[in-house]
């Protein structure tokens, strides 16, 4: 799918030809509202015309609204978008599902174009979200979800909404937020953080690779330790941005989408680290669910194990990494 070059990593980050530039104009950002029962039923319109959302049949401003923001070089037809949206449409009827399609600005060089555009898009999204909220969209029923670079777009939008319009998003979910240029703090850009919304939950699956290497939310989940290689992913995948190479990074949205279908699939335990979790599993102490049904009072780091293929969630068994059974329940 992508051209193999000897200095692939360098060219991937700086974008000297590996991917085409598209646009740096926020006028080319769109909203897609899914107004039917499948991902094939939708209405697209420019972000600048966000108020049109209220005019589309099927949109109810009193219902819960999910705004999903895709990542680097993705499009509205990407598998991540299709899987996430399908899960909500099929299992959460009555939810307004809206995609922030910034694909025209998420291509080109990662550092030179897409990363810098993430702030532009976030600020523009905040302005239009404020318009929708002023028009009656329910702030306390709005959930913003971002994947990879889209997590930081979400962060910029939430910060701007709070600072400029005095409106605080209740929940922001970051799925393996992008690492390069955002960590350590302020190296180039400002990363999504616990301060951006009332509750920020983060799922780490490729920490230190494509994803953030440190805690960055109110509650951070580290399935299988949160790092590559996730179970079921290839151990050798050297081609940047290939499907095999992105496998661990993509587990974040696969896990979240499965949680929409199976809310109790991913119980997680608090622990000081993955090794401590493995050595001393204690699921009865502060267990919370990773994914859609996460307790918004959760704080700190949580650990669990998963299967290597769908269904990924192991239920309560995911809290016993060494195969221990329910010892406390058997007493």
C-alpha atoms as a PDB file:
ATOM      1  CA  UNK A   1       0.000   0.000   0.000  1.00  0.00           C
ATOM      2  CA  UNK A   2       2.886   2.370   0.747  1.00  0.00           C
ATOM      3  CA  UNK A   3       6.157   2.794  -1.119  1.00  0.00           C
ATOM      4  CA  UNK A   4       9.099   1.216   0.701  1.00  0.00           C
ATOM      5  CA  UNK A   5      12.094   3.551   1.042  1.00  0.00           C
ATOM      6  CA  UNK A   6      15.371   3.154   2.894  1.00  0.00           C
ATOM      7  CA  UNK A   7      14.904   6.165   5.155  1.00  0.00           C
ATOM      8  CA  UNK A   8      11.192   5.465   5.620  1.00  0.00           C
ATOM      9  CA  UNK A   9      10.871   6.686   9.203  1.00  0.00           C
ATOM     10  CA  UNK A  10      12.555   9.996   8.490  1.00  0.00           C
ATOM     11  CA  UNK A  11      10.423  10.620   5.441  1.00  0.00           C
ATOM     12  CA  UNK A  12       7.277   9.494   7.231  1.00  0.00           C
ATOM     13  CA  UNK A  13       7.669  12.167   9.929  1.00  0.00           C
ATOM     14  CA  UNK A  14       8.856  14.964   7.669  1.00  0.00           C
ATOM     15  CA  UNK A  15       6.806  14.032   4.629  1.00  0.00           C
ATOM     16  CA  UNK A  16       9.211  14.554   1.756  1.00  0.00           C
ATOM     17  CA  UNK A  17       7.057  12.670  -0.695  1.00  0.00           C
ATOM     18  CA  UNK A  18       5.712   9.563   1.011  1.00  0.00           C
ATOM     19  CA  UNK A  19       2.175  10.972   1.269  1.00  0.00           C
ATOM     20  CA  UNK A  20       0.507  13.709  -0.772  1.00  0.00           C
ATOM     21  CA  UNK A  21      -0.471  17.016   0.789  1.00  0.00           C
ATOM     22  CA  UNK A  22      -4.154  17.836   0.476  1.00  0.00           C
ATOM     23  CA  UNK A  23      -5.199  21.016   2.218  1.00  0.00           C
ATOM     24  CA  UNK A  24      -4.401  23.329   5.096  1.00  0.00           C
ATOM     25  CA  UNK A  25      -7.791  25.065   5.021  1.00  0.00           C
ATOM     26  CA  UNK A  26     -10.424  24.539   7.687  1.00  0.00           C
ATOM     27  CA  UNK A  27     -12.985  25.241   4.968  1.00  0.00           C
ATOM     28  CA  UNK A  28     -12.210  21.714   3.778  1.00  0.00           C
ATOM     29  CA  UNK A  29     -13.264  20.087   7.085  1.00  0.00           C
ATOM     30  CA  UNK A  30     -16.646  18.349   7.086  1.00  0.00           C
ATOM     31  CA  UNK A  31     -19.159  16.899   9.492  1.00  0.00           C
ATOM     32  CA  UNK A  32     -20.842  13.600   8.676  1.00  0.00           C
ATOM     33  CA  UNK A  33     -24.056  12.751  10.484  1.00  0.00           C
ATOM     34  CA  UNK A  34     -25.181   9.133  10.284  1.00  0.00           C
ATOM     35  CA  UNK A  35     -28.945   9.471   9.885  1.00  0.00           C
ATOM     36  CA  UNK A  36     -29.869   5.836   9.317  1.00  0.00           C
ATOM     37  CA  UNK A  37     -29.166   2.375  10.658  1.00  0.00           C
ATOM     38  CA  UNK A  38     -25.898   1.718   8.763  1.00  0.00           C
ATOM     39  CA  UNK A  39     -22.652   3.519   7.954  1.00  0.00           C
ATOM     40  CA  UNK A  40     -23.938   3.931   4.404  1.00  0.00           C
ATOM     41  CA  UNK A  41     -26.682   6.291   5.562  1.00  0.00           C
ATOM     42  CA  UNK A  42     -25.230   9.736   6.174  1.00  0.00           C
ATOM     43  CA  UNK A  43     -25.303  13.420   5.321  1.00  0.00           C
ATOM     44  CA  UNK A  44     -22.092  15.404   4.762  1.00  0.00           C
ATOM     45  CA  UNK A  45     -21.790  19.153   5.107  1.00  0.00           C
ATOM     46  CA  UNK A  46     -18.975  21.651   5.787  1.00  0.00           C
ATOM     47  CA  UNK A  47     -17.968  22.296   9.397  1.00  0.00           C
ATOM     48  CA  UNK A  48     -18.694  25.979   8.699  1.00  0.00           C
ATOM     49  CA  UNK A  49     -22.350  24.996   8.255  1.00  0.00           C
ATOM     50  CA  UNK A  50     -22.578  23.021  11.497  1.00  0.00           C
ATOM     51  CA  UNK A  51     -26.032  24.413  12.332  1.00  0.00           C
ATOM     52  CA  UNK A  52     -27.443  22.357   9.453  1.00  0.00           C
ATOM     53  CA  UNK A  53     -27.222  19.429  11.848  1.00  0.00           C
ATOM     54  CA  UNK A  54     -30.456  20.588  13.505  1.00  0.00           C
ATOM     55  CA  UNK A  55     -32.275  20.436  10.164  1.00  0.00           C
ATOM     56  CA  UNK A  56     -31.432  16.821   9.287  1.00  0.00           C
ATOM     57  CA  UNK A  57     -34.110  14.222   9.847  1.00  0.00           C
ATOM     58  CA  UNK A  58     -33.060  11.804  12.550  1.00  0.00           C
ATOM     59  CA  UNK A  59     -30.999  14.250  14.593  1.00  0.00           C
ATOM     60  CA  UNK A  60     -32.400  14.924  18.063  1.00  0.00           C
ATOM     61  CA  UNK A  61     -30.493  17.514  20.066  1.00  0.00           C
ATOM     62  CA  UNK A  62     -31.901  16.074  23.287  1.00  0.00           C
ATOM     63  CA  UNK A  63     -30.309  12.678  22.657  1.00  0.00           C
ATOM     64  CA  UNK A  64     -26.734  11.685  23.547  1.00  0.00           C
ATOM     65  CA  UNK A  65     -24.275  12.849  20.890  1.00  0.00           C
ATOM     66  CA  UNK A  66     -20.973  11.188  20.064  1.00  0.00           C
ATOM     67  CA  UNK A  67     -18.453  13.206  18.045  1.00  0.00           C
ATOM     68  CA  UNK A  68     -15.744  10.925  16.641  1.00  0.00           C
ATOM     69  CA  UNK A  69     -12.447  12.367  15.335  1.00  0.00           C
ATOM     70  CA  UNK A  70     -10.216  10.152  13.182  1.00  0.00           C
ATOM     71  CA  UNK A  71      -6.422  10.121  13.061  1.00  0.00           C
ATOM     72  CA  UNK A  72      -3.497  10.807  10.729  1.00  0.00           C
ATOM     73  CA  UNK A  73      -4.056  10.042   7.003  1.00  0.00           C
ATOM     74  CA  UNK A  74      -7.442   8.484   7.712  1.00  0.00           C
ATOM     75  CA  UNK A  75     -10.666   9.153   5.810  1.00  0.00           C
ATOM     76  CA  UNK A  76     -14.367   8.742   6.468  1.00  0.00           C
ATOM     77  CA  UNK A  77     -14.230   5.324   4.765  1.00  0.00           C
ATOM     78  CA  UNK A  78     -11.432   4.043   7.021  1.00  0.00           C
ATOM     79  CA  UNK A  79     -12.009   0.811   8.909  1.00  0.00           C
ATOM     80  CA  UNK A  80     -11.593   2.565  12.256  1.00  0.00           C
ATOM     81  CA  UNK A  81     -14.450   4.941  11.445  1.00  0.00           C
ATOM     82  CA  UNK A  82     -16.665   2.207  10.019  1.00  0.00           C
ATOM     83  CA  UNK A  83     -16.165  -0.113  13.003  1.00  0.00           C
ATOM     84  CA  UNK A  84     -16.737   2.593  15.612  1.00  0.00           C
ATOM     85  CA  UNK A  85     -19.799   4.056  13.920  1.00  0.00           C
ATOM     86  CA  UNK A  86     -21.365   0.646  13.226  1.00  0.00           C
ATOM     87  CA  UNK A  87     -21.042  -0.312  16.885  1.00  0.00           C
ATOM     88  CA  UNK A  88     -22.977   2.768  17.987  1.00  0.00           C
ATOM     89  CA  UNK A  89     -25.626   2.534  15.283  1.00  0.00           C
ATOM     90  CA  UNK A  90     -26.300  -1.129  15.987  1.00  0.00           C
ATOM     91  CA  UNK A  91     -26.005  -1.165  19.776  1.00  0.00           C
ATOM     92  CA  UNK A  92     -26.773   2.369  20.955  1.00  0.00           C
ATOM     93  CA  UNK A  93     -29.900   3.417  19.053  1.00  0.00           C
ATOM     94  CA  UNK A  94     -30.964   6.949  19.837  1.00  0.00           C
ATOM     95  CA  UNK A  95     -27.389   8.228  19.866  1.00  0.00           C
ATOM     96  CA  UNK A  96     -26.496  11.016  17.450  1.00  0.00           C
ATOM     97  CA  UNK A  97     -23.295   9.799  15.787  1.00  0.00           C
ATOM     98  CA  UNK A  98     -21.264  12.538  14.109  1.00  0.00           C
ATOM     99  CA  UNK A  99     -17.854  12.267  12.443  1.00  0.00           C
ATOM    100  CA  UNK A 100     -15.459  15.211  12.274  1.00  0.00           C
ATOM    101  CA  UNK A 101     -13.948  14.505   8.863  1.00  0.00           C
ATOM    102  CA  UNK A 102     -10.671  16.408   8.676  1.00  0.00           C
ATOM    103  CA  UNK A 103      -9.096  13.998   6.186  1.00  0.00           C
ATOM    104  CA  UNK A 104      -8.191  16.846   3.827  1.00  0.00           C
ATOM    105  CA  UNK A 105      -5.973  18.293   6.554  1.00  0.00           C
ATOM    106  CA  UNK A 106      -4.689  15.072   8.095  1.00  0.00           C
ATOM    107  CA  UNK A 107      -2.589  14.045   5.087  1.00  0.00           C
ATOM    108  CA  UNK A 108       0.811  15.220   3.887  1.00  0.00           C
ATOM    109  CA  UNK A 109       3.807  15.417   6.219  1.00  0.00           C
ATOM    110  CA  UNK A 110       3.023  14.329   9.764  1.00  0.00           C
ATOM    111  CA  UNK A 111       5.066  17.081  11.404  1.00  0.00           C
ATOM    112  CA  UNK A 112       4.887  19.824   8.814  1.00  0.00           C
ATOM    113  CA  UNK A 113       1.205  19.473   7.929  1.00  0.00           C
ATOM    114  CA  UNK A 114      -0.976  17.125   9.969  1.00  0.00           C
ATOM    115  CA  UNK A 115       0.340  17.900  13.467  1.00  0.00           C
ATOM    116  CA  UNK A 116       0.075  21.650  13.002  1.00  0.00           C
ATOM    117  CA  UNK A 117      -3.318  21.271  11.363  1.00  0.00           C
ATOM    118  CA  UNK A 118      -4.583  19.414  14.423  1.00  0.00           C
ATOM    119  CA  UNK A 119      -4.623  22.693  16.336  1.00  0.00           C
ATOM    120  CA  UNK A 120      -6.303  24.598  13.496  1.00  0.00           C
ATOM    121  CA  UNK A 121      -9.014  21.970  13.237  1.00  0.00           C
ATOM    122  CA  UNK A 122      -9.493  21.779  17.004  1.00  0.00           C
ATOM    123  CA  UNK A 123      -9.983  25.531  17.335  1.00  0.00           C
ATOM    124  CA  UNK A 124     -12.405  25.602  14.400  1.00  0.00           C
ATOM    125  CA  UNK A 125     -14.332  22.673  15.861  1.00  0.00           C
ATOM    126  CA  UNK A 126     -14.629  24.458  19.215  1.00  0.00           C
ATOM    127  CA  UNK A 127     -16.206  27.492  17.552  1.00  0.00           C
ATOM    128  CA  UNK A 128     -18.792  25.364  15.779  1.00  0.00           C
ATOM    129  CA  UNK A 129     -19.453  23.201  18.825  1.00  0.00           C
ATOM    130  CA  UNK A 130     -20.223  26.377  20.711  1.00  0.00           C
ATOM    131  CA  UNK A 131     -22.682  27.342  17.973  1.00  0.00           C
ATOM    132  CA  UNK A 132     -24.402  23.962  18.323  1.00  0.00           C
ATOM    133  CA  UNK A 133     -24.483  24.207  22.103  1.00  0.00           C
ATOM    134  CA  UNK A 134     -25.956  27.687  21.905  1.00  0.00           C
ATOM    135  CA  UNK A 135     -28.549  26.224  19.535  1.00  0.00           C
ATOM    136  CA  UNK A 136     -29.666  23.615  22.068  1.00  0.00           C
ATOM    137  CA  UNK A 137     -27.263  20.673  21.803  1.00  0.00           C
ATOM    138  CA  UNK A 138     -27.006  19.132  25.276  1.00  0.00           C
ATOM    139  CA  UNK A 139     -23.525  19.725  26.722  1.00  0.00           C
ATOM    140  CA  UNK A 140     -23.995  17.117  29.426  1.00  0.00           C
ATOM    141  CA  UNK A 141     -24.853  14.510  26.756  1.00  0.00           C
ATOM    142  CA  UNK A 142     -21.907  15.246  24.461  1.00  0.00           C
ATOM    143  CA  UNK A 143     -19.074  12.699  24.300  1.00  0.00           C
ATOM    144  CA  UNK A 144     -16.006  13.497  22.193  1.00  0.00           C
ATOM    145  CA  UNK A 145     -13.844  10.540  21.084  1.00  0.00           C
ATOM    146  CA  UNK A 146     -10.555  10.858  19.228  1.00  0.00           C
ATOM    147  CA  UNK A 147      -8.140   8.288  17.865  1.00  0.00           C
ATOM    148  CA  UNK A 148      -4.379   8.900  17.570  1.00  0.00           C
ATOM    149  CA  UNK A 149      -3.841  12.409  16.188  1.00  0.00           C
ATOM    150  CA  UNK A 150      -7.599  12.903  16.450  1.00  0.00           C
ATOM    151  CA  UNK A 151      -7.216  12.680  20.249  1.00  0.00           C
ATOM    152  CA  UNK A 152      -5.203  15.887  20.186  1.00  0.00           C
ATOM    153  CA  UNK A 153      -7.703  17.573  17.853  1.00  0.00           C
ATOM    154  CA  UNK A 154     -10.257  16.710  20.542  1.00  0.00           C
ATOM    155  CA  UNK A 155      -7.971  18.145  23.199  1.00  0.00           C
ATOM    156  CA  UNK A 156      -7.550  21.441  21.359  1.00  0.00           C
ATOM    157  CA  UNK A 157     -11.307  21.675  20.779  1.00  0.00           C
ATOM    158  CA  UNK A 158     -12.132  20.990  24.426  1.00  0.00           C
ATOM    159  CA  UNK A 159      -9.527  23.462  25.734  1.00  0.00           C
ATOM    160  CA  UNK A 160     -10.722  26.205  23.413  1.00  0.00           C
ATOM    161  CA  UNK A 161     -14.363  25.556  24.267  1.00  0.00           C
ATOM    162  CA  UNK A 162     -13.532  25.901  27.951  1.00  0.00           C
ATOM    163  CA  UNK A 163     -11.210  28.907  27.682  1.00  0.00           C
ATOM    164  CA  UNK A 164     -13.092  30.989  25.115  1.00  0.00           C
ATOM    165  CA  UNK A 165     -16.707  29.978  25.616  1.00  0.00           C
ATOM    166  CA  UNK A 166     -16.735  28.825  29.250  1.00  0.00           C
ATOM    167  CA  UNK A 167     -18.178  25.421  28.354  1.00  0.00           C
ATOM    168  CA  UNK A 168     -16.574  22.235  29.678  1.00  0.00           C
ATOM    169  CA  UNK A 169     -17.045  18.941  27.873  1.00  0.00           C
ATOM    170  CA  UNK A 170     -18.173  16.240  30.281  1.00  0.00           C
ATOM    171  CA  UNK A 171     -16.286  13.322  28.739  1.00  0.00           C
ATOM    172  CA  UNK A 172     -13.425  13.068  26.282  1.00  0.00           C
ATOM    173  CA  UNK A 173     -12.033   9.666  25.278  1.00  0.00           C
ATOM    174  CA  UNK A 174      -8.559   9.413  23.733  1.00  0.00           C
ATOM    175  CA  UNK A 175      -7.728   6.186  21.892  1.00  0.00           C
ATOM    176  CA  UNK A 176      -3.938   5.710  21.869  1.00  0.00           C
ATOM    177  CA  UNK A 177      -3.231   9.450  21.461  1.00  0.00           C
ATOM    178  CA  UNK A 178      -0.379  10.149  19.044  1.00  0.00           C
ATOM    179  CA  UNK A 179       3.100  10.280  20.597  1.00  0.00           C
ATOM    180  CA  UNK A 180       5.489  12.135  18.223  1.00  0.00           C
ATOM    181  CA  UNK A 181       5.501  15.938  18.585  1.00  0.00           C
ATOM    182  CA  UNK A 182       3.200  15.900  21.645  1.00  0.00           C
ATOM    183  CA  UNK A 183       5.302  14.189  24.322  1.00  0.00           C
ATOM    184  CA  UNK A 184       7.236  15.108  26.420  1.00  0.00           C
ATOM    185  CA  UNK A 185       5.013  17.998  27.465  1.00  0.00           C
ATOM    186  CA  UNK A 186       5.119  20.883  25.039  1.00  0.00           C
ATOM    187  CA  UNK A 187       7.938  19.519  22.871  1.00  0.00           C
ATOM    188  CA  UNK A 188       6.153  20.893  19.795  1.00  0.00           C
ATOM    189  CA  UNK A 189       2.411  20.827  20.416  1.00  0.00           C
ATOM    190  CA  UNK A 190       0.097  20.624  23.423  1.00  0.00           C
ATOM    191  CA  UNK A 191      -1.267  17.137  24.059  1.00  0.00           C
ATOM    192  CA  UNK A 192      -4.660  16.023  25.284  1.00  0.00           C
ATOM    193  CA  UNK A 193      -4.764  15.977  29.087  1.00  0.00           C
ATOM    194  CA  UNK A 194      -6.982  15.446  32.120  1.00  0.00           C
ATOM    195  CA  UNK A 195      -7.550  19.216  32.313  1.00  0.00           C
ATOM    196  CA  UNK A 196      -9.371  19.343  28.979  1.00  0.00           C
ATOM    197  CA  UNK A 197     -12.721  17.911  30.134  1.00  0.00           C
ATOM    198  CA  UNK A 198     -14.479  16.908  33.334  1.00  0.00           C
ATOM    199  CA  UNK A 199     -13.399  13.337  32.625  1.00  0.00           C
ATOM    200  CA  UNK A 200     -10.746  12.120  30.191  1.00  0.00           C
ATOM    201  CA  UNK A 201     -10.295   8.370  29.727  1.00  0.00           C
ATOM    202  CA  UNK A 202      -7.399   7.054  27.674  1.00  0.00           C
ATOM    203  CA  UNK A 203      -6.746   3.615  26.180  1.00  0.00           C
ATOM    204  CA  UNK A 204      -3.056   2.936  25.504  1.00  0.00           C
ATOM    205  CA  UNK A 205      -2.138   0.116  23.123  1.00  0.00           C
ATOM    206  CA  UNK A 206       1.127   1.222  21.448  1.00  0.00           C
ATOM    207  CA  UNK A 207       2.740   3.346  24.156  1.00  0.00           C
ATOM    208  CA  UNK A 208       6.140   4.645  23.096  1.00  0.00           C
ATOM    209  CA  UNK A 209       5.533   3.697  19.455  1.00  0.00           C
ATOM    210  CA  UNK A 210       2.740   5.527  17.674  1.00  0.00           C
ATOM    211  CA  UNK A 211       0.976   6.164  20.993  1.00  0.00           C
ATOM    212  CA  UNK A 212       1.563   8.278  24.105  1.00  0.00           C
ATOM    213  CA  UNK A 213       4.160   6.741  26.430  1.00  0.00           C
ATOM    214  CA  UNK A 214       2.829   8.221  29.684  1.00  0.00           C
ATOM    215  CA  UNK A 215      -0.373   8.861  31.606  1.00  0.00           C
ATOM    216  CA  UNK A 216      -2.296  11.686  30.009  1.00  0.00           C
ATOM    217  CA  UNK A 217      -5.897  11.470  31.247  1.00  0.00           C
ATOM    218  CA  UNK A 218      -8.027  11.239  34.359  1.00  0.00           C
ATOM    219  CA  UNK A 219      -8.076   7.456  33.982  1.00  0.00           C
ATOM    220  CA  UNK A 220      -5.553   5.659  31.774  1.00  0.00           C
ATOM    221  CA  UNK A 221      -6.054   2.047  30.699  1.00  0.00           C
ATOM    222  CA  UNK A 222      -3.115  -0.166  29.780  1.00  0.00           C
ATOM    223  CA  UNK A 223      -4.413  -3.425  28.239  1.00  0.00           C
ATOM    224  CA  UNK A 224      -1.629  -6.024  28.128  1.00  0.00           C
ATOM    225  CA  UNK A 225       0.710  -3.372  29.499  1.00  0.00           C
ATOM    226  CA  UNK A 226      -0.402  -0.802  26.929  1.00  0.00           C
ATOM    227  CA  UNK A 227       2.553  -1.383  24.623  1.00  0.00           C
ATOM    228  CA  UNK A 228       3.386  -3.094  21.361  1.00  0.00           C
ATOM    229  CA  UNK A 229       3.232  -5.924  20.565  1.00  0.00           C
ATOM    230  CA  UNK A 230      -0.413  -6.419  21.489  1.00  0.00           C
ATOM    231  CA  UNK A 231      -1.588 -10.077  21.527  1.00  0.00           C
ATOM    232  CA  UNK A 232      -2.446 -11.240  18.028  1.00  0.00           C
ATOM    233  CA  UNK A 233      -0.315  -8.577  16.286  1.00  0.00           C
ATOM    234  CA  UNK A 234       2.741  -9.453  14.157  1.00  0.00           C
ATOM    235  CA  UNK A 235       6.067  -9.296  15.974  1.00  0.00           C
ATOM    236  CA  UNK A 236       7.931  -8.164  12.880  1.00  0.00           C
ATOM    237  CA  UNK A 237       6.274  -5.364  10.909  1.00  0.00           C
ATOM    238  CA  UNK A 238       8.974  -2.912   9.762  1.00  0.00           C
ATOM    239  CA  UNK A 239       7.094  -0.989   7.064  1.00  0.00           C
ATOM    240  CA  UNK A 240       5.772   2.294   8.531  1.00  0.00           C
ATOM    241  CA  UNK A 241       2.008   2.776   8.290  1.00  0.00           C
ATOM    242  CA  UNK A 242       1.391  -0.725   6.955  1.00  0.00           C
ATOM    243  CA  UNK A 243      -1.544  -2.637   8.425  1.00  0.00           C
ATOM    244  CA  UNK A 244       0.771  -4.982  10.338  1.00  0.00           C
ATOM    245  CA  UNK A 245       2.846  -2.064  11.614  1.00  0.00           C
ATOM    246  CA  UNK A 246      -0.255  -0.247  12.895  1.00  0.00           C
ATOM    247  CA  UNK A 247      -1.842  -3.333  14.444  1.00  0.00           C
ATOM    248  CA  UNK A 248      -1.117  -2.469  18.089  1.00  0.00           C
ATOM    249  CA  UNK A 249      -2.010   1.197  17.590  1.00  0.00           C
ATOM    250  CA  UNK A 250      -5.336   0.172  16.061  1.00  0.00           C
ATOM    251  CA  UNK A 251      -6.212  -2.121  18.955  1.00  0.00           C
ATOM    252  CA  UNK A 252      -7.350   0.964  20.897  1.00  0.00           C
ATOM    253  CA  UNK A 253     -10.366   1.616  18.680  1.00  0.00           C
ATOM    254  CA  UNK A 254     -11.037  -2.094  18.231  1.00  0.00           C
ATOM    255  CA  UNK A 255     -11.249  -2.486  22.015  1.00  0.00           C
ATOM    256  CA  UNK A 256     -13.452   0.572  22.413  1.00  0.00           C
ATOM    257  CA  UNK A 257     -15.842  -0.460  19.641  1.00  0.00           C
ATOM    258  CA  UNK A 258     -16.159  -3.903  21.197  1.00  0.00           C
ATOM    259  CA  UNK A 259     -17.006  -2.279  24.524  1.00  0.00           C
ATOM    260  CA  UNK A 260     -19.953  -0.543  22.843  1.00  0.00           C
ATOM    261  CA  UNK A 261     -21.228  -3.975  21.853  1.00  0.00           C
ATOM    262  CA  UNK A 262     -20.171  -5.733  25.067  1.00  0.00           C
ATOM    263  CA  UNK A 263     -20.020  -3.151  27.883  1.00  0.00           C
ATOM    264  CA  UNK A 264     -18.718  -5.628  30.488  1.00  0.00           C
ATOM    265  CA  UNK A 265     -16.021  -7.120  28.235  1.00  0.00           C
ATOM    266  CA  UNK A 266     -13.062  -5.185  29.658  1.00  0.00           C
ATOM    267  CA  UNK A 267     -12.970  -4.932  33.467  1.00  0.00           C
ATOM    268  CA  UNK A 268      -9.690  -3.406  34.632  1.00  0.00           C
ATOM    269  CA  UNK A 269      -7.874  -3.151  37.963  1.00  0.00           C
ATOM    270  CA  UNK A 270      -5.915  -0.236  39.412  1.00  0.00           C
ATOM    271  CA  UNK A 271      -2.227  -0.956  39.954  1.00  0.00           C
ATOM    272  CA  UNK A 272       1.118   0.808  40.280  1.00  0.00           C
ATOM    273  CA  UNK A 273       2.295  -0.854  37.065  1.00  0.00           C
ATOM    274  CA  UNK A 274       1.761  -3.797  34.750  1.00  0.00           C
ATOM    275  CA  UNK A 275       4.219  -6.057  36.573  1.00  0.00           C
ATOM    276  CA  UNK A 276       2.577  -5.279  39.900  1.00  0.00           C
ATOM    277  CA  UNK A 277      -0.796  -6.089  38.316  1.00  0.00           C
ATOM    278  CA  UNK A 278       0.534  -9.407  37.008  1.00  0.00           C
ATOM    279  CA  UNK A 279       2.163 -10.407  40.291  1.00  0.00           C
ATOM    280  CA  UNK A 280      -0.655  -9.350  42.601  1.00  0.00           C
ATOM    281  CA  UNK A 281      -4.026  -9.321  40.852  1.00  0.00           C
ATOM    282  CA  UNK A 282      -6.703  -7.823  43.074  1.00  0.00           C
ATOM    283  CA  UNK A 283      -9.803  -7.326  40.942  1.00  0.00           C
ATOM    284  CA  UNK A 284     -12.017  -6.621  43.942  1.00  0.00           C
ATOM    285  CA  UNK A 285     -10.160  -3.385  44.659  1.00  0.00           C
ATOM    286  CA  UNK A 286     -11.521  -0.539  42.583  1.00  0.00           C
ATOM    287  CA  UNK A 287     -12.342  -2.440  39.395  1.00  0.00           C
ATOM    288  CA  UNK A 288     -13.741  -0.297  36.579  1.00  0.00           C
ATOM    289  CA  UNK A 289     -14.678  -1.037  32.980  1.00  0.00           C
ATOM    290  CA  UNK A 290     -12.514   0.111  30.116  1.00  0.00           C
ATOM    291  CA  UNK A 291     -14.510   1.565  27.253  1.00  0.00           C
ATOM    292  CA  UNK A 292     -17.972   2.963  26.852  1.00  0.00           C
ATOM    293  CA  UNK A 293     -19.174   2.168  30.391  1.00  0.00           C
ATOM    294  CA  UNK A 294     -16.133   3.579  32.165  1.00  0.00           C
ATOM    295  CA  UNK A 295     -16.941   5.015  35.581  1.00  0.00           C
ATOM    296  CA  UNK A 296     -16.353   8.754  35.210  1.00  0.00           C
ATOM    297  CA  UNK A 297     -15.118   8.972  38.799  1.00  0.00           C
ATOM    298  CA  UNK A 298     -12.145   6.708  37.984  1.00  0.00           C
ATOM    299  CA  UNK A 299      -8.662   8.115  38.555  1.00  0.00           C
ATOM    300  CA  UNK A 300      -5.198   6.701  37.877  1.00  0.00           C
ATOM    301  CA  UNK A 301      -3.887   3.753  35.869  1.00  0.00           C
ATOM    302  CA  UNK A 302      -5.776   0.511  35.231  1.00  0.00           C
ATOM    303  CA  UNK A 303      -4.607  -2.803  33.803  1.00  0.00           C
ATOM    304  CA  UNK A 304      -6.139  -5.849  32.152  1.00  0.00           C
ATOM    305  CA  UNK A 305      -5.351  -8.553  29.624  1.00  0.00           C
ATOM    306  CA  UNK A 306      -7.188  -9.324  26.390  1.00  0.00           C
ATOM    307  CA  UNK A 307      -7.494 -12.036  23.775  1.00  0.00           C
ATOM    308  CA  UNK A 308      -5.421 -11.852  20.604  1.00  0.00           C
ATOM    309  CA  UNK A 309      -8.448 -11.794  18.315  1.00  0.00           C
ATOM    310  CA  UNK A 310     -12.101 -10.795  18.403  1.00  0.00           C
ATOM    311  CA  UNK A 311     -13.799 -11.037  20.805  1.00  0.00           C
ATOM    312  CA  UNK A 312     -10.918  -9.322  22.576  1.00  0.00           C
ATOM    313  CA  UNK A 313     -12.586  -8.869  25.945  1.00  0.00           C
ATOM    314  CA  UNK A 314     -12.005 -11.683  28.440  1.00  0.00           C
ATOM    315  CA  UNK A 315     -14.432 -10.440  31.059  1.00  0.00           C
ATOM    316  CA  UNK A 316     -13.344 -11.109  34.639  1.00  0.00           C
ATOM    317  CA  UNK A 317     -10.671 -13.522  33.414  1.00  0.00           C
ATOM    318  CA  UNK A 318      -8.801 -10.535  32.020  1.00  0.00           C
ATOM    319  CA  UNK A 319      -7.970  -9.549  35.591  1.00  0.00           C
ATOM    320  CA  UNK A 320      -6.078 -12.794  36.202  1.00  0.00           C
ATOM    321  CA  UNK A 321      -3.068 -12.539  33.852  1.00  0.00           C
ATOM    322  CA  UNK A 322      -1.549 -15.817  35.048  1.00  0.00           C
ATOM    323  CA  UNK A 323      -4.735 -17.779  34.603  1.00  0.00           C
ATOM    324  CA  UNK A 324      -5.854 -17.711  38.213  1.00  0.00           C
ATOM    325  CA  UNK A 325      -9.536 -18.356  38.765  1.00  0.00           C
ATOM    326  CA  UNK A 326     -11.917 -16.480  40.994  1.00  0.00           C
ATOM    327  CA  UNK A 327     -10.156 -17.313  44.235  1.00  0.00           C
ATOM    328  CA  UNK A 328     -12.114 -14.822  46.294  1.00  0.00           C
ATOM    329  CA  UNK A 329     -15.437 -16.059  44.927  1.00  0.00           C
ATOM    330  CA  UNK A 330     -14.614 -19.667  45.745  1.00  0.00           C
ATOM    331  CA  UNK A 331     -14.053 -19.057  49.443  1.00  0.00           C
END
